[in-house]
């Protein structure tokens, strides 16, 4: 495993170090400083997260998209209030409204100043990390398609989880992330060590794939997170170099 990780990018090495539950996340913050040019990082921080605004925010109603709200400004051509779209600048976000905003914006607004009595908003747990998903992972980490859970962020489930931990204190979530990664890592390494298919060969037709374990690994490969895919590619490269070296030794 150490050999595979050493072949990955510096960003992933830093992220994997911060994933351990015994490391305080604020000490290993791996956000924009260490991953400024990471596509996975940009996708993870641009996806939306549900938040409850604790105060009225004037002029920011457009964050709710194209939904309509009843507002009080009088239409100059009518004598009664009209229903205006939230794209108008005077429309405000009502306190205790739940709105989905990008991770990067939620991270800024969730930071409480020392002289303030309350946060601007309360972060809600996204569906990809809710209790149902955690229970499914507790039952079997290998049967959960992490790629689909983080489809909006390009399959960056761990990256999204770490971005969430930058905003909330949830040790249980960090344990879930670490356990999921650890449990699936052995199978990722097994996938990396499997010889590549020859031209025109179907994996299902090989005798080595008759066991349920190989079928499970094929399903796992379809649902790998972006970190796992990077480790898989690194492992395959290492395995190929080892095979080439072994072949050269046999020839010589």
Protein backbone atom coordinates (compact mmCIF):
# COMPACT_ATOMS: atom_id res chain seq x y z
CA UNK A 1 0.00 0.00 0.00
CA UNK A 2 2.86 2.39 0.88
CA UNK A 3 4.36 1.81 -2.56
CA UNK A 4 1.06 2.68 -4.24
CA UNK A 5 0.55 5.86 -2.19
CA UNK A 6 4.11 7.00 -2.91
CA UNK A 7 3.24 6.92 -6.61
CA UNK A 8 0.24 9.23 -6.21
CA UNK A 9 0.08 13.03 -6.26
CA UNK A 10 1.29 15.12 -3.28
CA UNK A 11 -2.28 16.39 -2.85
CA UNK A 12 -3.64 12.88 -2.32
CA UNK A 13 -0.85 12.02 0.12
CA UNK A 14 -1.76 15.06 2.22
CA UNK A 15 -5.47 14.24 2.05
CA UNK A 16 -4.94 10.62 3.11
CA UNK A 17 -2.90 11.80 6.09
CA UNK A 18 -5.69 14.13 7.21
CA UNK A 19 -8.25 11.34 6.90
CA UNK A 20 -7.06 9.48 10.01
CA UNK A 21 -9.51 9.94 12.95
CA UNK A 22 -6.66 10.51 15.44
CA UNK A 23 -5.52 13.62 13.58
CA UNK A 24 -7.39 16.80 14.46
CA UNK A 25 -8.78 18.09 11.20
CA UNK A 26 -7.97 21.75 11.86
CA UNK A 27 -4.28 20.78 12.08
CA UNK A 28 -4.38 19.01 8.71
CA UNK A 29 -6.66 21.33 6.76
CA UNK A 30 -6.14 20.31 3.17
CA UNK A 31 -8.44 22.71 1.43
CA UNK A 32 -7.47 25.38 -1.05
CA UNK A 33 -3.86 25.90 0.13
CA UNK A 34 -2.69 22.37 -0.69
CA UNK A 35 -5.13 21.60 -3.50
CA UNK A 36 -5.59 24.91 -5.28
CA UNK A 37 -5.08 23.36 -8.71
CA UNK A 38 -6.93 20.12 -7.96
CA UNK A 39 -9.90 19.48 -10.24
CA UNK A 40 -11.41 17.12 -7.64
CA UNK A 41 -11.09 19.88 -5.05
CA UNK A 42 -12.77 22.46 -7.27
CA UNK A 43 -15.64 20.10 -8.10
CA UNK A 44 -16.11 19.13 -4.46
CA UNK A 45 -16.24 22.73 -3.24
CA UNK A 46 -18.56 23.84 -6.04
CA UNK A 47 -21.31 21.32 -5.30
CA UNK A 48 -24.20 22.53 -3.18
CA UNK A 49 -24.93 21.80 0.46
CA UNK A 50 -28.22 22.48 2.33
CA UNK A 51 -27.96 25.27 4.90
CA UNK A 52 -30.41 26.96 7.26
CA UNK A 53 -29.96 30.74 7.38
CA UNK A 54 -30.30 31.95 10.98
CA UNK A 55 -30.89 35.60 10.06
CA UNK A 56 -32.61 37.67 7.39
CA UNK A 57 -30.20 38.46 4.55
CA UNK A 58 -31.35 41.39 2.38
CA UNK A 59 -30.56 41.42 -1.32
CA UNK A 60 -29.55 37.76 -1.49
CA UNK A 61 -32.84 36.15 -2.46
CA UNK A 62 -31.42 35.12 -5.83
CA UNK A 63 -29.56 32.31 -4.05
CA UNK A 64 -32.88 30.48 -3.95
CA UNK A 65 -32.91 30.25 -7.74
CA UNK A 66 -36.08 30.89 -9.73
CA UNK A 67 -38.57 30.16 -6.95
CA UNK A 68 -41.15 32.86 -6.28
CA UNK A 69 -41.91 34.45 -2.91
CA UNK A 70 -44.56 36.87 -1.65
CA UNK A 71 -42.88 40.22 -1.01
CA UNK A 72 -44.13 43.62 0.09
CA UNK A 73 -42.78 46.12 -2.48
CA UNK A 74 -45.71 47.77 -4.27
CA UNK A 75 -45.92 47.49 -8.02
CA UNK A 76 -46.09 51.09 -9.31
CA UNK A 77 -48.80 50.11 -11.81
CA UNK A 78 -51.04 48.35 -9.28
CA UNK A 79 -52.46 49.11 -5.88
CA UNK A 80 -51.73 45.74 -4.33
CA UNK A 81 -48.52 43.84 -3.61
CA UNK A 82 -47.43 41.49 -6.37
CA UNK A 83 -45.53 38.25 -6.30
CA UNK A 84 -41.99 38.96 -7.47
CA UNK A 85 -39.24 36.55 -8.40
CA UNK A 86 -36.28 36.36 -6.05
CA UNK A 87 -33.95 37.61 -8.76
CA UNK A 88 -34.97 41.16 -7.80
CA UNK A 89 -32.22 42.76 -5.67
CA UNK A 90 -34.53 43.85 -2.83
CA UNK A 91 -35.77 40.36 -2.11
CA UNK A 92 -34.19 38.96 1.04
CA UNK A 93 -33.53 35.50 2.39
CA UNK A 94 -35.92 34.92 5.26
CA UNK A 95 -34.49 33.68 8.54
CA UNK A 96 -34.72 29.89 9.03
CA UNK A 97 -35.01 29.29 5.27
CA UNK A 98 -33.23 26.18 4.00
CA UNK A 99 -31.20 26.94 0.88
CA UNK A 100 -28.62 24.96 -1.04
CA UNK A 101 -25.42 26.94 -1.62
CA UNK A 102 -21.93 25.89 -2.81
CA UNK A 103 -19.51 24.40 -0.29
CA UNK A 104 -17.06 27.28 -0.68
CA UNK A 105 -19.73 29.88 0.11
CA UNK A 106 -21.11 27.89 3.05
CA UNK A 107 -17.58 27.61 4.43
CA UNK A 108 -17.22 31.40 4.46
CA UNK A 109 -20.67 32.15 5.89
CA UNK A 110 -20.39 29.49 8.60
CA UNK A 111 -17.36 31.17 10.16
CA UNK A 112 -18.53 33.04 13.26
CA UNK A 113 -16.82 36.27 14.24
CA UNK A 114 -15.74 36.69 17.86
CA UNK A 115 -18.05 39.67 18.43
CA UNK A 116 -21.12 37.93 16.97
CA UNK A 117 -23.70 36.03 19.02
CA UNK A 118 -24.63 33.47 16.37
CA UNK A 119 -23.56 32.03 13.04
CA UNK A 120 -25.10 33.31 9.84
CA UNK A 121 -26.18 29.80 8.94
CA UNK A 122 -26.31 26.21 10.14
CA UNK A 123 -24.78 23.52 7.93
CA UNK A 124 -26.98 20.52 7.18
CA UNK A 125 -25.64 17.04 6.38
CA UNK A 126 -25.83 16.35 2.60
CA UNK A 127 -27.65 13.24 1.39
CA UNK A 128 -24.35 11.55 0.47
CA UNK A 129 -23.38 11.46 4.16
CA UNK A 130 -26.74 11.07 5.89
CA UNK A 131 -27.71 8.34 8.36
CA UNK A 132 -29.03 6.03 5.66
CA UNK A 133 -25.73 6.08 3.78
CA UNK A 134 -23.75 5.63 7.00
CA UNK A 135 -25.86 2.60 7.91
CA UNK A 136 -25.32 1.13 4.44
CA UNK A 137 -21.57 1.61 4.80
CA UNK A 138 -21.66 0.06 8.26
CA UNK A 139 -23.31 -3.02 6.75
CA UNK A 140 -20.87 -3.30 3.83
CA UNK A 141 -18.50 -0.60 2.63
CA UNK A 142 -17.77 -2.52 -0.57
CA UNK A 143 -21.36 -2.64 -1.80
CA UNK A 144 -21.88 1.14 -1.83
CA UNK A 145 -21.26 2.98 -5.09
CA UNK A 146 -19.29 6.02 -3.91
CA UNK A 147 -18.99 7.34 -7.46
CA UNK A 148 -22.77 7.70 -7.75
CA UNK A 149 -23.05 9.27 -4.29
CA UNK A 150 -20.75 12.07 -5.41
CA UNK A 151 -21.81 12.25 -9.06
CA UNK A 152 -22.12 16.05 -8.94
CA UNK A 153 -18.50 16.40 -7.80
CA UNK A 154 -17.14 13.96 -10.35
CA UNK A 155 -17.12 11.03 -7.93
CA UNK A 156 -15.09 12.84 -5.26
CA UNK A 157 -16.90 11.38 -2.22
CA UNK A 158 -13.97 11.45 0.20
CA UNK A 159 -12.99 14.93 -1.00
CA UNK A 160 -16.54 16.16 -0.37
CA UNK A 161 -16.51 14.56 3.07
CA UNK A 162 -13.27 16.30 3.99
CA UNK A 163 -14.67 19.60 2.71
CA UNK A 164 -17.69 19.06 4.96
CA UNK A 165 -15.42 18.36 7.94
CA UNK A 166 -13.77 21.73 7.35
CA UNK A 167 -17.11 23.31 8.29
CA UNK A 168 -18.55 21.01 10.97
CA UNK A 169 -17.19 19.04 13.91
CA UNK A 170 -18.33 15.47 13.26
CA UNK A 171 -15.90 12.83 14.52
CA UNK A 172 -18.34 10.04 13.59
CA UNK A 173 -18.26 11.17 9.96
CA UNK A 174 -14.47 11.16 9.98
CA UNK A 175 -14.50 7.62 11.38
CA UNK A 176 -16.92 6.59 8.60
CA UNK A 177 -14.65 8.10 5.95
CA UNK A 178 -11.55 6.42 7.38
CA UNK A 179 -13.19 3.02 7.85
CA UNK A 180 -14.72 3.07 4.38
CA UNK A 181 -11.39 3.91 2.78
CA UNK A 182 -9.50 1.31 4.84
CA UNK A 183 -12.01 -1.47 4.17
CA UNK A 184 -12.05 -0.87 0.41
CA UNK A 185 -8.31 -0.32 0.03
CA UNK A 186 -7.41 -4.03 -0.01
CA UNK A 187 -9.82 -4.63 -2.88
CA UNK A 188 -8.48 -1.62 -4.77
CA UNK A 189 -4.98 -3.09 -4.41
CA UNK A 190 -6.27 -6.46 -5.64
CA UNK A 191 -7.78 -4.74 -8.68
CA UNK A 192 -4.46 -3.03 -9.38
CA UNK A 193 -2.61 -6.34 -9.23
CA UNK A 194 -4.92 -8.09 -11.70
CA UNK A 195 -3.32 -8.57 -15.12
CA UNK A 196 -4.78 -6.45 -17.92
CA UNK A 197 -7.16 -8.09 -20.38
CA UNK A 198 -5.79 -9.17 -23.73
CA UNK A 199 -7.34 -7.70 -26.85
CA UNK A 200 -10.86 -9.06 -27.34
CA UNK A 201 -10.88 -10.87 -23.99
CA UNK A 202 -13.85 -10.60 -21.64
CA UNK A 203 -13.09 -10.64 -17.94
CA UNK A 204 -16.20 -12.71 -17.27
CA UNK A 205 -14.88 -15.46 -19.55
CA UNK A 206 -11.68 -16.04 -17.59
CA UNK A 207 -11.52 -18.96 -15.19
CA UNK A 208 -10.06 -16.72 -12.49
CA UNK A 209 -13.28 -14.75 -12.37
CA UNK A 210 -15.59 -17.61 -11.42
CA UNK A 211 -15.65 -16.74 -7.72
CA UNK A 212 -18.03 -14.23 -6.19
CA UNK A 213 -15.07 -12.25 -4.92
CA UNK A 214 -14.01 -11.30 -8.43
CA UNK A 215 -17.56 -10.34 -9.33
CA UNK A 216 -17.69 -8.14 -6.23
CA UNK A 217 -14.41 -6.53 -7.24
CA UNK A 218 -15.83 -5.77 -10.68
CA UNK A 219 -18.80 -4.07 -9.04
CA UNK A 220 -16.45 -2.20 -6.73
CA UNK A 221 -14.42 -0.98 -9.70
CA UNK A 222 -17.56 0.59 -11.20
CA UNK A 223 -18.18 2.63 -8.04
CA UNK A 224 -14.71 3.80 -7.08
CA UNK A 225 -14.29 7.29 -5.66
CA UNK A 226 -11.79 9.65 -7.32
CA UNK A 227 -9.16 8.96 -4.63
CA UNK A 228 -9.60 5.23 -5.11
CA UNK A 229 -9.34 5.58 -8.88
CA UNK A 230 -6.09 7.50 -8.50
CA UNK A 231 -4.71 4.78 -6.22
CA UNK A 232 -5.88 2.12 -8.68
CA UNK A 233 -4.06 3.78 -11.57
CA UNK A 234 -0.94 4.22 -9.43
CA UNK A 235 -1.11 0.57 -8.40
CA UNK A 236 -1.55 -0.61 -11.97
CA UNK A 237 1.48 1.43 -13.01
CA UNK A 238 3.56 -0.08 -10.19
CA UNK A 239 2.37 -3.59 -11.06
CA UNK A 240 3.26 -3.06 -14.72
CA UNK A 241 6.75 -1.82 -13.86
CA UNK A 242 7.26 -4.82 -11.59
CA UNK A 243 6.06 -7.22 -14.30
CA UNK A 244 8.35 -5.58 -16.87
CA UNK A 245 11.31 -5.79 -14.49
CA UNK A 246 10.58 -9.46 -13.74
CA UNK A 247 10.33 -10.24 -17.46
CA UNK A 248 13.66 -8.55 -18.11
CA UNK A 249 15.29 -10.56 -15.33
CA UNK A 250 13.95 -13.80 -16.80
CA UNK A 251 15.22 -12.92 -20.27
CA UNK A 252 18.65 -11.94 -19.01
